[in-house]
Amino acid sequence: MNLDWGIIWDSRDALLQGAAMTIMLTVVTMALAVPGGMVLALMRLSSNRLANGVAVAIVEFFRNLPLILVIYWAFYVMPMALDVQFSAVTTALVALVLNVSAYNSETFRAGINSIRKGQMEAALAMGMSRRQAMFKVLIPQAGRRILPVLASTWISLFKDTSLVSVIAVSELAYASMQVRAQSFRVLEMLTAMAVIYWLMGYPQAKLVDWIHRKYGVKE
């Protein structure tokens, strides 16, 4: 087998740009999916039947579809249904945010529901409104409980961004596959892609382990 590892160095610009796009997609998705998940969680906890029903429909729809199908749907169906054409990057972000928001909403809801009911009753007894009690008492306590789960979601999302390569978003997986197709260096490029993902992901995984140790709640 004739290997040419020099192709990795020759393609460093494309690989680094792809890695930067992967990081950008992850950061922007979480920046939007955290408040999105919070809104959906509060809607599901709301006594308003309409708000609750809408949130349930959104969460159950996107949580039970494969992410790659959501990406295809956003790229091919949404433009036809809404007569709006988005760029590949925007489409990828829409699909990722919808998918991750659905999961985050359940994380937030579980965190809020894990707080003892006496906390809410005590806050109401002190004269707080239900809204004040939610934002000043329940959500801050729930934040500590859900932080480790959100950190794990981040790691999962970081790897799942590779799926947007199917709609030609130039993140790391797409850039690697493009170089592979042009150079026919399959083993070298797949190895380079794996190493870059590992080098970016391992420190994040160790940070998540630390967050679990420091902030994990044990009843």
Protein backbone atom coordinates (compact mmCIF):
# COMPACT_ATOMS: atom_id res chain seq x y z
CA MET A 1 0.00 0.00 0.00
CA ASN A 2 1.42 3.36 -1.08
CA LEU A 3 0.62 5.97 1.54
CA ASP A 4 1.18 9.69 1.21
CA TRP A 5 0.79 11.40 4.58
CA GLY A 6 2.05 14.63 3.07
CA ILE A 7 -1.45 15.19 1.66
CA ILE A 8 -2.57 16.11 5.18
CA TRP A 9 -0.06 18.94 5.45
CA ASP A 10 -0.81 20.07 1.89
CA SER A 11 -4.51 20.21 2.77
CA ARG A 12 -4.04 21.90 6.15
CA ASP A 13 -5.86 25.08 5.14
CA ALA A 14 -9.01 23.20 4.10
CA LEU A 15 -8.90 21.03 7.23
CA LEU A 16 -8.40 23.99 9.57
CA GLN A 17 -11.21 25.94 7.91
CA GLY A 18 -13.45 22.89 8.24
CA ALA A 19 -12.55 22.54 11.93
CA ALA A 20 -13.34 26.23 12.48
CA MET A 21 -16.74 25.77 10.80
CA THR A 22 -17.46 22.76 13.05
CA ILE A 23 -16.69 24.82 16.15
CA MET A 24 -18.80 27.74 14.88
CA LEU A 25 -21.80 25.49 14.19
CA THR A 26 -21.57 23.99 17.68
CA VAL A 27 -21.23 27.32 19.48
CA VAL A 28 -24.03 29.07 17.57
CA THR A 29 -26.35 26.08 17.84
CA MET A 30 -25.99 25.87 21.62
CA ALA A 31 -26.24 29.65 21.97
CA LEU A 32 -29.67 29.45 20.30
CA ALA A 33 -30.81 26.04 21.55
CA VAL A 34 -30.32 26.83 25.26
CA PRO A 35 -32.84 29.72 25.32
CA GLY A 36 -34.96 27.83 22.80
CA GLY A 37 -35.05 24.80 25.08
CA MET A 38 -35.85 26.99 28.07
CA VAL A 39 -38.82 28.57 26.28
CA LEU A 40 -40.16 25.17 25.25
CA ALA A 41 -39.71 23.81 28.78
CA LEU A 42 -41.62 26.73 30.31
CA MET A 43 -44.35 26.29 27.70
CA ARG A 44 -44.65 22.60 28.61
CA LEU A 45 -44.86 23.49 32.30
CA SER A 46 -47.44 26.19 31.62
CA SER A 47 -51.05 25.77 32.69
CA ASN A 48 -52.06 27.29 29.34
CA ARG A 49 -53.26 24.36 27.24
CA LEU A 50 -52.43 26.01 23.92
CA ALA A 51 -48.84 26.81 24.92
CA ASN A 52 -48.43 23.34 26.40
CA GLY A 53 -49.84 21.65 23.30
CA VAL A 54 -47.62 23.60 20.91
CA ALA A 55 -44.52 22.81 22.96
CA VAL A 56 -45.39 19.11 23.18
CA ALA A 57 -45.91 18.95 19.41
CA ILE A 58 -42.58 20.64 18.66
CA VAL A 59 -40.58 18.61 21.17
CA GLU A 60 -42.05 15.23 20.28
CA PHE A 61 -41.74 15.90 16.55
CA PHE A 62 -38.08 16.89 16.48
CA ARG A 63 -36.95 14.65 19.33
CA ASN A 64 -38.20 11.53 17.56
CA LEU A 65 -36.82 12.22 14.09
CA PRO A 66 -33.25 11.36 13.05
CA LEU A 67 -31.16 14.53 12.84
CA ILE A 68 -30.08 13.74 9.29
CA LEU A 69 -33.76 13.61 8.24
CA VAL A 70 -34.37 17.01 9.86
CA ILE A 71 -31.39 18.38 7.93
CA TYR A 72 -32.73 17.04 4.63
CA TRP A 73 -36.22 18.33 5.46
CA ALA A 74 -34.91 21.81 6.25
CA PHE A 75 -32.80 21.89 3.10
CA TYR A 76 -35.24 20.44 0.54
CA VAL A 77 -38.78 20.71 1.96
CA MET A 78 -38.77 23.99 3.92
CA PRO A 79 -37.81 26.15 0.90
CA MET A 80 -40.66 24.64 -1.13
CA ALA A 81 -43.21 24.82 1.69
CA LEU A 82 -42.34 28.36 2.79
CA ASP A 83 -41.02 29.65 -0.54
CA VAL A 84 -37.83 30.75 1.23
CA GLN A 85 -34.33 29.74 0.19
CA PHE A 86 -31.65 29.62 2.87
CA SER A 87 -27.93 29.07 2.47
CA ALA A 88 -26.57 25.63 3.39
CA VAL A 89 -25.05 27.00 6.61
CA THR A 90 -28.30 28.69 7.68
CA THR A 91 -30.25 25.54 6.87
CA ALA A 92 -27.83 23.46 8.94
CA LEU A 93 -28.20 25.82 11.89
CA VAL A 94 -32.00 25.74 11.68
CA ALA A 95 -32.02 21.94 11.71
CA LEU A 96 -29.47 21.67 14.52
CA VAL A 97 -31.20 24.29 16.69
CA LEU A 98 -34.62 22.67 16.30
CA ASN A 99 -33.23 19.24 17.16
CA VAL A 100 -31.11 20.33 20.13
CA SER A 101 -33.78 22.70 21.49
CA ALA A 102 -36.17 19.74 21.72
CA TYR A 103 -33.65 17.77 23.79
CA ASN A 104 -32.69 20.78 25.90
CA SER A 105 -36.32 21.46 26.73
CA GLU A 106 -36.65 18.03 28.30
CA THR A 107 -33.40 18.55 30.19
CA PHE A 108 -34.67 21.86 31.59
CA ARG A 109 -38.10 20.44 32.37
CA ALA A 110 -36.61 17.49 34.23
CA GLY A 111 -34.32 19.83 36.16
CA ILE A 112 -37.18 22.12 37.18
CA ASN A 113 -39.41 19.19 38.13
CA SER A 114 -36.62 17.71 40.25
CA ILE A 115 -36.90 20.64 42.69
CA ARG A 116 -39.08 19.77 45.66
CA LYS A 117 -42.56 21.27 45.56
CA GLY A 118 -41.97 22.80 48.95
CA GLN A 119 -39.55 25.25 47.36
CA MET A 120 -42.30 26.69 45.18
CA GLU A 121 -44.79 26.71 48.05
CA ALA A 122 -42.31 28.52 50.30
CA ALA A 123 -41.66 31.16 47.64
CA LEU A 124 -45.40 31.69 47.14
CA ALA A 125 -45.89 31.94 50.89
CA MET A 126 -43.28 34.72 50.97
CA GLY A 127 -45.44 36.73 48.58
CA MET A 128 -43.74 35.92 45.28
CA SER A 129 -45.82 35.42 42.18
CA ARG A 130 -45.64 32.09 40.41
CA ARG A 131 -43.47 33.68 37.72
CA GLN A 132 -41.10 35.21 40.28
CA ALA A 133 -40.80 31.91 42.11
CA MET A 134 -40.00 30.14 38.85
CA PHE A 135 -37.21 32.53 37.84
CA LYS A 136 -35.79 33.36 41.28
CA VAL A 137 -36.08 30.01 43.06
CA LEU A 138 -36.67 27.02 40.81
CA ILE A 139 -34.63 27.84 37.70
CA PRO A 140 -31.41 28.81 39.58
CA GLN A 141 -31.54 25.55 41.53
CA ALA A 142 -32.38 23.57 38.40
CA GLY A 143 -29.41 25.15 36.62
CA ARG A 144 -26.94 23.33 38.85
CA ARG A 145 -28.69 20.04 38.19
CA ILE A 146 -28.87 20.36 34.43
CA LEU A 147 -25.37 21.77 33.79
CA PRO A 148 -23.70 18.33 33.57
CA VAL A 149 -26.39 17.13 31.16
CA LEU A 150 -26.04 20.22 28.96
CA ALA A 151 -22.27 19.69 28.90
CA SER A 152 -22.80 16.14 27.65
CA THR A 153 -25.25 17.44 25.03
CA TRP A 154 -22.52 19.82 23.86
CA ILE A 155 -20.13 16.90 23.24
CA SER A 156 -22.80 14.99 21.35
CA LEU A 157 -23.63 18.05 19.25
CA PHE A 158 -19.96 18.67 18.48
CA LYS A 159 -19.80 15.29 16.74
CA ASP A 160 -23.28 15.47 15.19
CA THR A 161 -22.39 18.63 13.26
CA SER A 162 -20.58 16.31 10.84
CA LEU A 163 -24.01 15.29 9.52
CA VAL A 164 -24.50 18.68 7.88
CA SER A 165 -21.82 17.65 5.37
CA VAL A 166 -24.67 15.94 3.46
CA ILE A 167 -25.88 19.39 2.33
CA ALA A 168 -22.37 20.59 1.45
CA VAL A 169 -21.67 22.67 4.55
CA SER A 170 -17.90 23.01 4.57
CA GLU A 171 -17.24 21.73 8.09
CA LEU A 172 -14.47 19.27 8.94
CA ALA A 173 -16.10 16.09 7.60
CA TYR A 174 -17.07 17.76 4.32
CA ALA A 175 -13.63 19.32 3.84
CA SER A 176 -11.94 15.97 4.49
CA MET A 177 -14.22 14.17 2.06
CA GLN A 178 -13.59 16.79 -0.61
CA VAL A 179 -9.83 16.37 -0.31
CA ARG A 180 -10.25 12.59 -0.32
CA ALA A 181 -12.32 12.73 -3.51
CA GLN A 182 -9.76 14.93 -5.24
CA SER A 183 -6.63 13.11 -4.07
CA PHE A 184 -7.97 9.54 -3.75
CA ARG A 185 -6.15 9.37 -0.39
CA VAL A 186 -8.90 7.66 1.60
CA LEU A 187 -6.95 6.25 4.56
CA GLU A 188 -4.85 9.36 5.04
CA MET A 189 -7.79 11.79 5.04
CA LEU A 190 -10.04 9.65 7.22
CA THR A 191 -7.19 9.28 9.68
CA ALA A 192 -6.56 13.03 9.66
CA MET A 193 -10.26 13.71 10.23
CA ALA A 194 -10.37 11.27 13.16
CA VAL A 195 -7.25 12.76 14.76
CA ILE A 196 -8.52 16.34 14.46
CA TYR A 197 -11.90 15.42 15.92
CA TRP A 198 -10.16 13.62 18.79
CA LEU A 199 -7.79 16.50 19.50
CA MET A 200 -10.73 18.91 19.65
CA GLY A 201 -13.08 16.56 21.49
CA TYR A 202 -10.83 15.04 24.17
CA PRO A 203 -10.24 18.28 26.14
CA GLN A 204 -13.98 18.97 25.99
CA ALA A 205 -14.75 15.47 27.27
CA LYS A 206 -12.36 15.99 30.20
CA LEU A 207 -14.05 19.32 30.96
CA VAL A 208 -17.43 17.58 30.98
CA ASP A 209 -16.04 14.98 33.43
CA TRP A 210 -14.92 17.83 35.70
CA ILE A 211 -18.34 19.50 35.47
CA HIS A 212 -20.00 16.21 36.45
CA ARG A 213 -17.71 15.86 39.46
CA LYS A 214 -18.12 19.47 40.59
CA TYR A 215 -21.77 20.17 39.83
CA GLY A 216 -23.40 16.76 39.75
CA VAL A 217 -26.19 16.62 42.32
CA LYS A 218 -26.41 13.56 44.54
CA GLU A 219 -29.59 13.15 46.50
